[in-house]
């Protein structure tokens, strides 16, 4: 699976990524609509995460990131956006991830797909 989008690096210290990635989503949603987007988390370090927002269908004009992701082995978790922190607590109990893809919906639902 090919993932293309706009890449930014965020701090993960003290959970800072939730607010900063949320602001990134707000910025991109204002341009493209939340339901047209998906977000990719990858390349974690001790203190950072690379996060890329791309279109579900097509390519964002200013795309500066391209990655070939695995086609199989993904696990999907669905829930409410306000429960995202709890969802990640459960996901990370079994260790670090290779990739995660987030999708959000206007009705407050969200989906996280991940692969280790």
PDB file of N, CA and C in Angstrom:
ATOM      1  N   UNK A   1       0.845  -1.161   0.000  1.00  0.00           N
ATOM      2  CA  UNK A   1       0.000   0.000   0.000  1.00  0.00           C
ATOM      3  C   UNK A   1       0.900   1.236   0.000  1.00  0.00           C
ATOM      4  N   UNK A   2       0.603   2.160  -0.867  1.00  0.00           N
ATOM      5  CA  UNK A   2       1.373   3.396  -0.963  1.00  0.00           C
ATOM      6  C   UNK A   2       0.692   4.477  -0.130  1.00  0.00           C
ATOM      7  N   UNK A   3       1.467   5.174   0.699  1.00  0.00           N
ATOM      8  CA  UNK A   3       0.935   6.276   1.504  1.00  0.00           C
ATOM      9  C   UNK A   3       1.711   7.530   1.132  1.00  0.00           C
ATOM     10  N   UNK A   4       0.994   8.575   0.740  1.00  0.00           N
ATOM     11  CA  UNK A   4       1.625   9.847   0.403  1.00  0.00           C
ATOM     12  C   UNK A   4       0.920  10.958   1.154  1.00  0.00           C
ATOM     13  N   UNK A   5       1.681  11.963   1.576  1.00  0.00           N
ATOM     14  CA  UNK A   5       1.074  13.071   2.289  1.00  0.00           C
ATOM     15  C   UNK A   5       2.084  14.103   2.727  1.00  0.00           C
ATOM     16  N   UNK A   6       1.639  14.937   3.639  1.00  0.00           N
ATOM     17  CA  UNK A   6       2.462  16.010   4.192  1.00  0.00           C
ATOM     18  C   UNK A   6       2.978  15.554   5.550  1.00  0.00           C
ATOM     19  N   UNK A   7       4.291  15.622   5.728  1.00  0.00           N
ATOM     20  CA  UNK A   7       4.971  15.074   6.897  1.00  0.00           C
ATOM     21  C   UNK A   7       5.386  16.177   7.867  1.00  0.00           C
ATOM     22  N   UNK A   8       5.211  15.873   9.155  1.00  0.00           N
ATOM     23  CA  UNK A   8       5.726  16.727  10.230  1.00  0.00           C
ATOM     24  C   UNK A   8       6.262  15.821  11.330  1.00  0.00           C
ATOM     25  N   UNK A   9       7.147  16.367  12.155  1.00  0.00           N
ATOM     26  CA  UNK A   9       7.713  15.628  13.285  1.00  0.00           C
ATOM     27  C   UNK A   9       7.216  16.302  14.569  1.00  0.00           C
ATOM     28  N   UNK A  10       6.728  15.479  15.505  1.00  0.00           N
ATOM     29  CA  UNK A  10       6.163  15.986  16.754  1.00  0.00           C
ATOM     30  C   UNK A  10       6.837  15.343  17.955  1.00  0.00           C
ATOM     31  N   UNK A  11       6.923  16.106  19.037  1.00  0.00           N
ATOM     32  CA  UNK A  11       7.437  15.596  20.306  1.00  0.00           C
ATOM     33  C   UNK A  11       6.415  14.653  20.931  1.00  0.00           C
ATOM     34  N   UNK A  12       6.916  13.577  21.536  1.00  0.00           N
ATOM     35  CA  UNK A  12       6.047  12.650  22.269  1.00  0.00           C
ATOM     36  C   UNK A  12       6.216  12.790  23.778  1.00  0.00           C
ATOM     37  N   UNK A  13       7.041  13.745  24.212  1.00  0.00           N
ATOM     38  CA  UNK A  13       7.272  13.934  25.644  1.00  0.00           C
ATOM     39  C   UNK A  13       5.975  14.334  26.339  1.00  0.00           C
ATOM     40  N   UNK A  14       5.654  13.628  27.417  1.00  0.00           N
ATOM     41  CA  UNK A  14       4.483  13.910  28.244  1.00  0.00           C
ATOM     42  C   UNK A  14       3.183  13.931  27.441  1.00  0.00           C
ATOM     43  N   UNK A  15       3.112  13.138  26.377  1.00  0.00           N
ATOM     44  CA  UNK A  15       1.894  13.057  25.575  1.00  0.00           C
ATOM     45  C   UNK A  15       1.622  14.277  24.711  1.00  0.00           C
ATOM     46  N   UNK A  16       2.652  15.090  24.482  1.00  0.00           N
ATOM     47  CA  UNK A  16       2.481  16.332  23.719  1.00  0.00           C
ATOM     48  C   UNK A  16       1.926  16.103  22.324  1.00  0.00           C
ATOM     49  N   UNK A  17       2.147  14.917  21.767  1.00  0.00           N
ATOM     50  CA  UNK A  17       1.728  14.647  20.398  1.00  0.00           C
ATOM     51  C   UNK A  17       0.211  14.718  20.215  1.00  0.00           C
ATOM     52  N   UNK A  18      -0.557  14.454  21.255  1.00  0.00           N
ATOM     53  CA  UNK A  18      -2.014  14.480  21.108  1.00  0.00           C
ATOM     54  C   UNK A  18      -2.498  15.876  20.718  1.00  0.00           C
ATOM     55  N   UNK A  19      -1.986  16.906  21.366  1.00  0.00           N
ATOM     56  CA  UNK A  19      -2.402  18.273  21.044  1.00  0.00           C
ATOM     57  C   UNK A  19      -1.827  18.751  19.714  1.00  0.00           C
ATOM     58  N   UNK A  20      -0.554  18.489  19.484  1.00  0.00           N
ATOM     59  CA  UNK A  20       0.076  19.009  18.266  1.00  0.00           C
ATOM     60  C   UNK A  20      -0.408  18.280  17.011  1.00  0.00           C
ATOM     61  N   UNK A  21      -0.582  16.973  17.104  1.00  0.00           N
ATOM     62  CA  UNK A  21      -1.128  16.243  15.958  1.00  0.00           C
ATOM     63  C   UNK A  21      -2.591  16.640  15.758  1.00  0.00           C
ATOM     64  N   UNK A  22      -3.307  16.879  16.850  1.00  0.00           N
ATOM     65  CA  UNK A  22      -4.693  17.351  16.743  1.00  0.00           C
ATOM     66  C   UNK A  22      -4.783  18.673  15.998  1.00  0.00           C
ATOM     67  N   UNK A  23      -3.854  19.591  16.281  1.00  0.00           N
ATOM     68  CA  UNK A  23      -3.835  20.872  15.572  1.00  0.00           C
ATOM     69  C   UNK A  23      -3.519  20.671  14.090  1.00  0.00           C
ATOM     70  N   UNK A  24      -2.623  19.745  13.780  1.00  0.00           N
ATOM     71  CA  UNK A  24      -2.301  19.404  12.393  1.00  0.00           C
ATOM     72  C   UNK A  24      -3.552  18.880  11.679  1.00  0.00           C
ATOM     73  N   UNK A  25      -4.291  18.005  12.346  1.00  0.00           N
ATOM     74  CA  UNK A  25      -5.540  17.493  11.779  1.00  0.00           C
ATOM     75  C   UNK A  25      -6.528  18.629  11.534  1.00  0.00           C
ATOM     76  N   UNK A  26      -6.654  19.550  12.473  1.00  0.00           N
ATOM     77  CA  UNK A  26      -7.573  20.686  12.298  1.00  0.00           C
ATOM     78  C   UNK A  26      -7.182  21.512  11.081  1.00  0.00           C
ATOM     79  N   UNK A  27      -5.895  21.781  10.941  1.00  0.00           N
ATOM     80  CA  UNK A  27      -5.396  22.550   9.793  1.00  0.00           C
ATOM     81  C   UNK A  27      -5.731  21.851   8.473  1.00  0.00           C
ATOM     82  N   UNK A  28      -5.437  20.572   8.395  1.00  0.00           N
ATOM     83  CA  UNK A  28      -5.645  19.837   7.155  1.00  0.00           C
ATOM     84  C   UNK A  28      -7.137  19.585   6.895  1.00  0.00           C
ATOM     85  N   UNK A  29      -7.917  19.383   7.952  1.00  0.00           N
ATOM     86  CA  UNK A  29      -9.358  19.169   7.799  1.00  0.00           C
ATOM     87  C   UNK A  29     -10.047  20.414   7.253  1.00  0.00           C
ATOM     88  N   UNK A  30      -9.560  21.586   7.651  1.00  0.00           N
ATOM     89  CA  UNK A  30     -10.132  22.838   7.141  1.00  0.00           C
ATOM     90  C   UNK A  30      -9.944  22.938   5.628  1.00  0.00           C
ATOM     91  N   UNK A  31      -8.879  22.358   5.105  1.00  0.00           N
ATOM     92  CA  UNK A  31      -8.596  22.409   3.665  1.00  0.00           C
ATOM     93  C   UNK A  31      -9.283  21.293   2.889  1.00  0.00           C
ATOM     94  N   UNK A  32      -9.312  20.079   3.467  1.00  0.00           N
ATOM     95  CA  UNK A  32      -9.708  18.897   2.707  1.00  0.00           C
ATOM     96  C   UNK A  32     -10.929  18.157   3.250  1.00  0.00           C
ATOM     97  N   UNK A  33     -11.355  18.486   4.463  1.00  0.00           N
ATOM     98  CA  UNK A  33     -12.462  17.765   5.091  1.00  0.00           C
ATOM     99  C   UNK A  33     -11.951  16.548   5.840  1.00  0.00           C
ATOM    100  N   UNK A  34     -12.352  16.403   7.089  1.00  0.00           N
ATOM    101  CA  UNK A  34     -11.809  15.356   7.951  1.00  0.00           C
ATOM    102  C   UNK A  34     -12.025  13.955   7.387  1.00  0.00           C
ATOM    103  N   UNK A  35     -13.160  13.722   6.755  1.00  0.00           N
ATOM    104  CA  UNK A  35     -13.466  12.372   6.287  1.00  0.00           C
ATOM    105  C   UNK A  35     -12.733  11.999   5.000  1.00  0.00           C
ATOM    106  N   UNK A  36     -12.016  12.949   4.418  1.00  0.00           N
ATOM    107  CA  UNK A  36     -11.218  12.669   3.218  1.00  0.00           C
ATOM    108  C   UNK A  36      -9.770  12.346   3.540  1.00  0.00           C
ATOM    109  N   UNK A  37      -9.408  12.416   4.831  1.00  0.00           N
ATOM    110  CA  UNK A  37      -8.010  12.300   5.241  1.00  0.00           C
ATOM    111  C   UNK A  37      -7.736  11.018   6.021  1.00  0.00           C
ATOM    112  N   UNK A  38      -6.458  10.678   6.077  1.00  0.00           N
ATOM    113  CA  UNK A  38      -5.960   9.620   6.960  1.00  0.00           C
ATOM    114  C   UNK A  38      -4.581  10.058   7.434  1.00  0.00           C
ATOM    115  N   UNK A  39      -4.234   9.668   8.642  1.00  0.00           N
ATOM    116  CA  UNK A  39      -2.956  10.062   9.230  1.00  0.00           C
ATOM    117  C   UNK A  39      -2.089   8.854   9.511  1.00  0.00           C
ATOM    118  N   UNK A  40      -0.815   8.967   9.194  1.00  0.00           N
ATOM    119  CA  UNK A  40       0.150   7.887   9.381  1.00  0.00           C
ATOM    120  C   UNK A  40       1.165   8.273  10.435  1.00  0.00           C
ATOM    121  N   UNK A  41       1.291   7.446  11.472  1.00  0.00           N
ATOM    122  CA  UNK A  41       2.352   7.595  12.453  1.00  0.00           C
ATOM    123  C   UNK A  41       3.446   6.591  12.144  1.00  0.00           C
ATOM    124  N   UNK A  42       4.712   7.053  12.178  1.00  0.00           N
ATOM    125  CA  UNK A  42       5.827   6.153  11.850  1.00  0.00           C
ATOM    126  C   UNK A  42       7.136   6.737  12.379  1.00  0.00           C
ATOM    127  N   UNK A  43       8.185   5.956  12.273  1.00  0.00           N
ATOM    128  CA  UNK A  43       9.561   6.398  12.579  1.00  0.00           C
ATOM    129  C   UNK A  43       9.690   7.025  13.961  1.00  0.00           C
ATOM    130  N   UNK A  44       9.174   6.333  14.977  1.00  0.00           N
ATOM    131  CA  UNK A  44       9.275   6.820  16.346  1.00  0.00           C
ATOM    132  C   UNK A  44      10.731   6.807  16.802  1.00  0.00           C
ATOM    133  N   UNK A  45      11.076   7.808  17.600  1.00  0.00           N
ATOM    134  CA  UNK A  45      12.341   7.809  18.317  1.00  0.00           C
ATOM    135  C   UNK A  45      11.978   7.859  19.805  1.00  0.00           C
ATOM    136  N   UNK A  46      12.970   8.027  20.637  1.00  0.00           N
ATOM    137  CA  UNK A  46      12.721   8.141  22.075  1.00  0.00           C
ATOM    138  C   UNK A  46      11.759   9.295  22.392  1.00  0.00           C
ATOM    139  N   UNK A  47      11.860  10.397  21.632  1.00  0.00           N
ATOM    140  CA  UNK A  47      11.110  11.617  21.960  1.00  0.00           C
ATOM    141  C   UNK A  47      10.239  12.171  20.840  1.00  0.00           C
ATOM    142  N   UNK A  48      10.180  11.515  19.684  1.00  0.00           N
ATOM    143  CA  UNK A  48       9.437  12.073  18.557  1.00  0.00           C
ATOM    144  C   UNK A  48       8.655  11.017  17.787  1.00  0.00           C
ATOM    145  N   UNK A  49       7.740  11.506  16.999  1.00  0.00           N
ATOM    146  CA  UNK A  49       6.995  10.688  16.046  1.00  0.00           C
ATOM    147  C   UNK A  49       6.922  11.466  14.737  1.00  0.00           C
ATOM    148  N   UNK A  50       7.106  10.763  13.633  1.00  0.00           N
ATOM    149  CA  UNK A  50       6.825  11.351  12.330  1.00  0.00           C
ATOM    150  C   UNK A  50       5.354  11.098  12.060  1.00  0.00           C
ATOM    151  N   UNK A  51       4.654  12.125  11.621  1.00  0.00           N
ATOM    152  CA  UNK A  51       3.234  11.990  11.358  1.00  0.00           C
ATOM    153  C   UNK A  51       2.937  12.603  10.004  1.00  0.00           C
ATOM    154  N   UNK A  52       2.181  11.868   9.193  1.00  0.00           N
ATOM    155  CA  UNK A  52       1.906  12.269   7.822  1.00  0.00           C
ATOM    156  C   UNK A  52       0.396  12.254   7.613  1.00  0.00           C
ATOM    157  N   UNK A  53      -0.139  13.322   7.050  1.00  0.00           N
ATOM    158  CA  UNK A  53      -1.550  13.337   6.701  1.00  0.00           C
ATOM    159  C   UNK A  53      -1.662  13.329   5.182  1.00  0.00           C
ATOM    160  N   UNK A  54      -2.471  12.392   4.701  1.00  0.00           N
ATOM    161  CA  UNK A  54      -2.708  12.256   3.267  1.00  0.00           C
ATOM    162  C   UNK A  54      -4.177  12.038   2.988  1.00  0.00           C
ATOM    163  N   UNK A  55      -4.518  12.091   1.731  1.00  0.00           N
ATOM    164  CA  UNK A  55      -5.889  11.844   1.306  1.00  0.00           C
ATOM    165  C   UNK A  55      -6.176  10.349   1.258  1.00  0.00           C
ATOM    166  N   UNK A  56      -7.406   9.969   1.549  1.00  0.00           N
ATOM    167  CA  UNK A  56      -7.811   8.573   1.397  1.00  0.00           C
ATOM    168  C   UNK A  56      -7.741   8.170  -0.070  1.00  0.00           C
ATOM    169  N   UNK A  57      -8.119   9.090  -0.934  1.00  0.00           N
ATOM    170  CA  UNK A  57      -8.098   8.852  -2.376  1.00  0.00           C
ATOM    171  C   UNK A  57      -7.394  10.020  -3.052  1.00  0.00           C
ATOM    172  N   UNK A  58      -6.334   9.746  -3.757  1.00  0.00           N
ATOM    173  CA  UNK A  58      -5.589  10.805  -4.432  1.00  0.00           C
ATOM    174  C   UNK A  58      -4.385  11.246  -3.626  1.00  0.00           C
ATOM    175  N   UNK A  59      -3.762  12.316  -4.099  1.00  0.00           N
ATOM    176  CA  UNK A  59      -2.531  12.824  -3.487  1.00  0.00           C
ATOM    177  C   UNK A  59      -2.692  14.304  -3.186  1.00  0.00           C
ATOM    178  N   UNK A  60      -2.356  14.708  -1.975  1.00  0.00           N
ATOM    179  CA  UNK A  60      -2.341  16.118  -1.601  1.00  0.00           C
ATOM    180  C   UNK A  60      -1.288  16.821  -2.436  1.00  0.00           C
ATOM    181  N   UNK A  61      -1.615  17.983  -2.959  1.00  0.00           N
ATOM    182  CA  UNK A  61      -0.731  18.709  -3.860  1.00  0.00           C
ATOM    183  C   UNK A  61       0.650  19.002  -3.310  1.00  0.00           C
ATOM    184  N   UNK A  62       0.778  19.254  -2.025  1.00  0.00           N
ATOM    185  CA  UNK A  62       2.067  19.598  -1.420  1.00  0.00           C
ATOM    186  C   UNK A  62       2.737  18.393  -0.773  1.00  0.00           C
ATOM    187  N   UNK A  63       2.364  17.194  -1.168  1.00  0.00           N
ATOM    188  CA  UNK A  63       2.903  15.978  -0.547  1.00  0.00           C
ATOM    189  C   UNK A  63       4.429  15.988  -0.572  1.00  0.00           C
ATOM    190  N   UNK A  64       5.022  15.694   0.583  1.00  0.00           N
ATOM    191  CA  UNK A  64       6.482  15.661   0.695  1.00  0.00           C
ATOM    192  C   UNK A  64       6.970  14.348   1.300  1.00  0.00           C
ATOM    193  N   UNK A  65       6.069  13.345   1.350  1.00  0.00           N
ATOM    194  CA  UNK A  65       6.396  12.060   1.957  1.00  0.00           C
ATOM    195  C   UNK A  65       5.706  10.949   1.168  1.00  0.00           C
ATOM    196  N   UNK A  66       6.454   9.899   0.903  1.00  0.00           N
ATOM    197  CA  UNK A  66       5.909   8.702   0.257  1.00  0.00           C
ATOM    198  C   UNK A  66       6.512   7.478   0.938  1.00  0.00           C
ATOM    199  N   UNK A  67       5.663   6.514   1.265  1.00  0.00           N
ATOM    200  CA  UNK A  67       6.154   5.265   1.860  1.00  0.00           C
ATOM    201  C   UNK A  67       5.340   4.103   1.320  1.00  0.00           C
ATOM    202  N   UNK A  68       6.017   2.999   1.108  1.00  0.00           N
ATOM    203  CA  UNK A  68       5.364   1.742   0.751  1.00  0.00           C
ATOM    204  C   UNK A  68       5.110   0.988   2.051  1.00  0.00           C
ATOM    205  N   UNK A  69       3.843   0.811   2.410  1.00  0.00           N
ATOM    206  CA  UNK A  69       3.458   0.155   3.649  1.00  0.00           C
ATOM    207  C   UNK A  69       3.067  -1.294   3.370  1.00  0.00           C
ATOM    208  N   UNK A  70       3.117  -2.144   4.387  1.00  0.00           N
ATOM    209  CA  UNK A  70       2.709  -3.532   4.198  1.00  0.00           C
ATOM    210  C   UNK A  70       1.246  -3.629   3.746  1.00  0.00           C
ATOM    211  N   UNK A  71       0.951  -4.593   2.916  1.00  0.00           N
ATOM    212  CA  UNK A  71      -0.424  -4.811   2.464  1.00  0.00           C
ATOM    213  C   UNK A  71      -1.212  -5.686   3.433  1.00  0.00           C
ATOM    214  N   UNK A  72      -0.530  -6.451   4.265  1.00  0.00           N
ATOM    215  CA  UNK A  72      -1.209  -7.371   5.176  1.00  0.00           C
ATOM    216  C   UNK A  72      -0.677  -7.206   6.593  1.00  0.00           C
ATOM    217  N   UNK A  73      -1.348  -7.832   7.544  1.00  0.00           N
ATOM    218  CA  UNK A  73      -0.893  -7.843   8.932  1.00  0.00           C
ATOM    219  C   UNK A  73      -1.435  -6.712   9.784  1.00  0.00           C
ATOM    220  N   UNK A  74      -2.327  -5.911   9.253  1.00  0.00           N
ATOM    221  CA  UNK A  74      -2.882  -4.773   9.978  1.00  0.00           C
ATOM    222  C   UNK A  74      -3.975  -5.227  10.943  1.00  0.00           C
ATOM    223  N   UNK A  75      -4.005  -4.619  12.111  1.00  0.00           N
ATOM    224  CA  UNK A  75      -5.064  -4.838  13.095  1.00  0.00           C
ATOM    225  C   UNK A  75      -5.853  -3.538  13.179  1.00  0.00           C
ATOM    226  N   UNK A  76      -7.178  -3.639  13.240  1.00  0.00           N
ATOM    227  CA  UNK A  76      -8.035  -2.459  13.265  1.00  0.00           C
ATOM    228  C   UNK A  76      -8.764  -2.365  14.599  1.00  0.00           C
ATOM    229  N   UNK A  77      -8.755  -1.154  15.181  1.00  0.00           N
ATOM    230  CA  UNK A  77      -9.470  -0.852  16.419  1.00  0.00           C
ATOM    231  C   UNK A  77     -10.352   0.361  16.130  1.00  0.00           C
ATOM    232  N   UNK A  78     -11.608   0.281  16.542  1.00  0.00           N
ATOM    233  CA  UNK A  78     -12.539   1.392  16.337  1.00  0.00           C
ATOM    234  C   UNK A  78     -13.061   1.883  17.681  1.00  0.00           C
ATOM    235  N   UNK A  79     -13.364   3.176  17.736  1.00  0.00           N
ATOM    236  CA  UNK A  79     -13.907   3.741  18.960  1.00  0.00           C
ATOM    237  C   UNK A  79     -14.277   5.194  18.768  1.00  0.00           C
ATOM    238  N   UNK A  80     -14.413   5.891  19.873  1.00  0.00           N
ATOM    239  CA  UNK A  80     -14.732   7.319  19.866  1.00  0.00           C
ATOM    240  C   UNK A  80     -13.435   8.112  19.960  1.00  0.00           C
ATOM    241  N   UNK A  81     -13.396   9.232  19.277  1.00  0.00           N
ATOM    242  CA  UNK A  81     -12.189  10.050  19.255  1.00  0.00           C
ATOM    243  C   UNK A  81     -11.772  10.459  20.667  1.00  0.00           C
ATOM    244  N   UNK A  82     -12.728  10.761  21.531  1.00  0.00           N
ATOM    245  CA  UNK A  82     -12.371  11.170  22.893  1.00  0.00           C
ATOM    246  C   UNK A  82     -11.752  10.036  23.699  1.00  0.00           C
ATOM    247  N   UNK A  83     -11.841   8.806  23.202  1.00  0.00           N
ATOM    248  CA  UNK A  83     -11.238   7.647  23.874  1.00  0.00           C
ATOM    249  C   UNK A  83      -9.902   7.239  23.249  1.00  0.00           C
ATOM    250  N   UNK A  84      -9.353   8.078  22.390  1.00  0.00           N
ATOM    251  CA  UNK A  84      -8.145   7.722  21.651  1.00  0.00           C
ATOM    252  C   UNK A  84      -6.974   7.383  22.578  1.00  0.00           C
ATOM    253  N   UNK A  85      -6.781   8.141  23.641  1.00  0.00           N
ATOM    254  CA  UNK A  85      -5.694   7.859  24.583  1.00  0.00           C
ATOM    255  C   UNK A  85      -5.817   6.473  25.182  1.00  0.00           C
ATOM    256  N   UNK A  86      -7.018   6.084  25.591  1.00  0.00           N
ATOM    257  CA  UNK A  86      -7.260   4.760  26.143  1.00  0.00           C
ATOM    258  C   UNK A  86      -7.037   3.674  25.089  1.00  0.00           C
ATOM    259  N   UNK A  87      -7.467   3.955  23.864  1.00  0.00           N
ATOM    260  CA  UNK A  87      -7.265   2.993  22.775  1.00  0.00           C
ATOM    261  C   UNK A  87      -5.771   2.735  22.577  1.00  0.00           C
ATOM    262  N   UNK A  88      -4.977   3.803  22.607  1.00  0.00           N
ATOM    263  CA  UNK A  88      -3.537   3.635  22.422  1.00  0.00           C
ATOM    264  C   UNK A  88      -2.876   2.941  23.606  1.00  0.00           C
ATOM    265  N   UNK A  89      -3.372   3.182  24.806  1.00  0.00           N
ATOM    266  CA  UNK A  89      -2.844   2.446  25.963  1.00  0.00           C
ATOM    267  C   UNK A  89      -2.967   0.942  25.728  1.00  0.00           C
ATOM    268  N   UNK A  90      -4.112   0.508  25.222  1.00  0.00           N
ATOM    269  CA  UNK A  90      -4.327  -0.911  24.946  1.00  0.00           C
ATOM    270  C   UNK A  90      -3.456  -1.394  23.789  1.00  0.00           C
ATOM    271  N   UNK A  91      -3.373  -0.599  22.734  1.00  0.00           N
ATOM    272  CA  UNK A  91      -2.575  -0.980  21.561  1.00  0.00           C
ATOM    273  C   UNK A  91      -1.107  -1.166  21.939  1.00  0.00           C
ATOM    274  N   UNK A  92      -0.562  -0.259  22.737  1.00  0.00           N
ATOM    275  CA  UNK A  92       0.868  -0.289  23.066  1.00  0.00           C
ATOM    276  C   UNK A  92       1.232  -1.291  24.153  1.00  0.00           C
ATOM    277  N   UNK A  93       0.246  -1.908  24.797  1.00  0.00           N
ATOM    278  CA  UNK A  93       0.554  -2.926  25.811  1.00  0.00           C
ATOM    279  C   UNK A  93       1.413  -4.051  25.253  1.00  0.00           C
ATOM    280  N   UNK A  94       1.245  -4.341  23.981  1.00  0.00           N
ATOM    281  CA  UNK A  94       1.984  -5.435  23.352  1.00  0.00           C
ATOM    282  C   UNK A  94       3.252  -4.967  22.643  1.00  0.00           C
ATOM    283  N   UNK A  95       3.658  -3.720  22.860  1.00  0.00           N
ATOM    284  CA  UNK A  95       4.917  -3.238  22.296  1.00  0.00           C
ATOM    285  C   UNK A  95       4.759  -2.164  21.239  1.00  0.00           C
ATOM    286  N   UNK A  96       5.893  -1.759  20.727  1.00  0.00           N
ATOM    287  CA  UNK A  96       5.967  -0.676  19.748  1.00  0.00           C
ATOM    288  C   UNK A  96       5.352  -1.078  18.419  1.00  0.00           C
ATOM    289  N   UNK A  97       5.019  -0.059  17.650  1.00  0.00           N
ATOM    290  CA  UNK A  97       4.417  -0.263  16.342  1.00  0.00           C
ATOM    291  C   UNK A  97       5.408   0.076  15.238  1.00  0.00           C
ATOM    292  N   UNK A  98       5.178  -0.515  14.090  1.00  0.00           N
ATOM    293  CA  UNK A  98       5.921  -0.149  12.890  1.00  0.00           C
ATOM    294  C   UNK A  98       5.223   1.029  12.209  1.00  0.00           C
ATOM    295  N   UNK A  99       3.904   0.903  12.072  1.00  0.00           N
ATOM    296  CA  UNK A  99       3.079   1.963  11.485  1.00  0.00           C
ATOM    297  C   UNK A  99       1.714   1.970  12.156  1.00  0.00           C
ATOM    298  N   UNK A 100       1.088   3.149  12.136  1.00  0.00           N
ATOM    299  CA  UNK A 100      -0.303   3.280  12.536  1.00  0.00           C
ATOM    300  C   UNK A 100      -0.976   4.222  11.534  1.00  0.00           C
ATOM    301  N   UNK A 101      -2.219   3.926  11.222  1.00  0.00           N
ATOM    302  CA  UNK A 101      -3.000   4.803  10.352  1.00  0.00           C
ATOM    303  C   UNK A 101      -4.280   5.165  11.089  1.00  0.00           C
ATOM    304  N   UNK A 102      -4.517   6.465  11.225  1.00  0.00           N
ATOM    305  CA  UNK A 102      -5.708   6.955  11.908  1.00  0.00           C
ATOM    306  C   UNK A 102      -6.678   7.552  10.894  1.00  0.00           C
ATOM    307  N   UNK A 103      -7.968   7.298  11.159  1.00  0.00           N
ATOM    308  CA  UNK A 103      -9.032   7.888  10.370  1.00  0.00           C
ATOM    309  C   UNK A 103     -10.071   8.425  11.343  1.00  0.00           C
ATOM    310  N   UNK A 104     -10.542   9.644  11.085  1.00  0.00           N
ATOM    311  CA  UNK A 104     -11.529  10.280  11.952  1.00  0.00           C
ATOM    312  C   UNK A 104     -12.774  10.630  11.145  1.00  0.00           C
ATOM    313  N   UNK A 105     -13.911  10.679  11.846  1.00  0.00           N
ATOM    314  CA  UNK A 105     -15.185  10.931  11.191  1.00  0.00           C
ATOM    315  C   UNK A 105     -15.926  12.059  11.901  1.00  0.00           C
ATOM    316  N   UNK A 106     -16.772  12.755  11.159  1.00  0.00           N
ATOM    317  CA  UNK A 106     -17.542  13.885  11.688  1.00  0.00           C
ATOM    318  C   UNK A 106     -18.399  13.493  12.889  1.00  0.00           C
ATOM    319  N   UNK A 107     -18.842  12.248  12.964  1.00  0.00           N
ATOM    320  CA  UNK A 107     -19.724  11.812  14.049  1.00  0.00           C
ATOM    321  C   UNK A 107     -18.979  11.486  15.341  1.00  0.00           C
ATOM    322  N   UNK A 108     -17.650  11.734  15.370  1.00  0.00           N
ATOM    323  CA  UNK A 108     -16.866  11.490  16.581  1.00  0.00           C
ATOM    324  C   UNK A 108     -16.248  10.109  16.658  1.00  0.00           C
ATOM    325  N   UNK A 109     -16.499   9.276  15.673  1.00  0.00           N
ATOM    326  CA  UNK A 109     -15.890   7.948  15.634  1.00  0.00           C
ATOM    327  C   UNK A 109     -14.476   8.047  15.060  1.00  0.00           C
ATOM    328  N   UNK A 110     -13.655   7.061  15.373  1.00  0.00           N
ATOM    329  CA  UNK A 110     -12.310   6.999  14.811  1.00  0.00           C
ATOM    330  C   UNK A 110     -11.911   5.547  14.613  1.00  0.00           C
ATOM    331  N   UNK A 111     -10.887   5.370  13.808  1.00  0.00           N
ATOM    332  CA  UNK A 111     -10.367   4.030  13.523  1.00  0.00           C
ATOM    333  C   UNK A 111      -8.857   4.113  13.526  1.00  0.00           C
ATOM    334  N   UNK A 112      -8.230   3.151  14.182  1.00  0.00           N
ATOM    335  CA  UNK A 112      -6.778   3.043  14.181  1.00  0.00           C
ATOM    336  C   UNK A 112      -6.434   1.677  13.598  1.00  0.00           C
ATOM    337  N   UNK A 113      -5.617   1.688  12.551  1.00  0.00           N
ATOM    338  CA  UNK A 113      -5.075   0.457  11.993  1.00  0.00           C
ATOM    339  C   UNK A 113      -3.592   0.475  12.323  1.00  0.00           C
ATOM    340  N   UNK A 114      -3.069  -0.671  12.755  1.00  0.00           N
ATOM    341  CA  UNK A 114      -1.656  -0.695  13.100  1.00  0.00           C
ATOM    342  C   UNK A 114      -1.036  -2.014  12.729  1.00  0.00           C
ATOM    343  N   UNK A 115       0.291  -1.967  12.577  1.00  0.00           N
ATOM    344  CA  UNK A 115       1.076  -3.158  12.290  1.00  0.00           C
ATOM    345  C   UNK A 115       2.368  -3.045  13.074  1.00  0.00           C
ATOM    346  N   UNK A 116       2.807  -4.193  13.619  1.00  0.00           N
ATOM    347  CA  UNK A 116       4.059  -4.223  14.382  1.00  0.00           C
ATOM    348  C   UNK A 116       5.165  -4.737  13.509  1.00  0.00           C
TER     349      UNK A 116
END
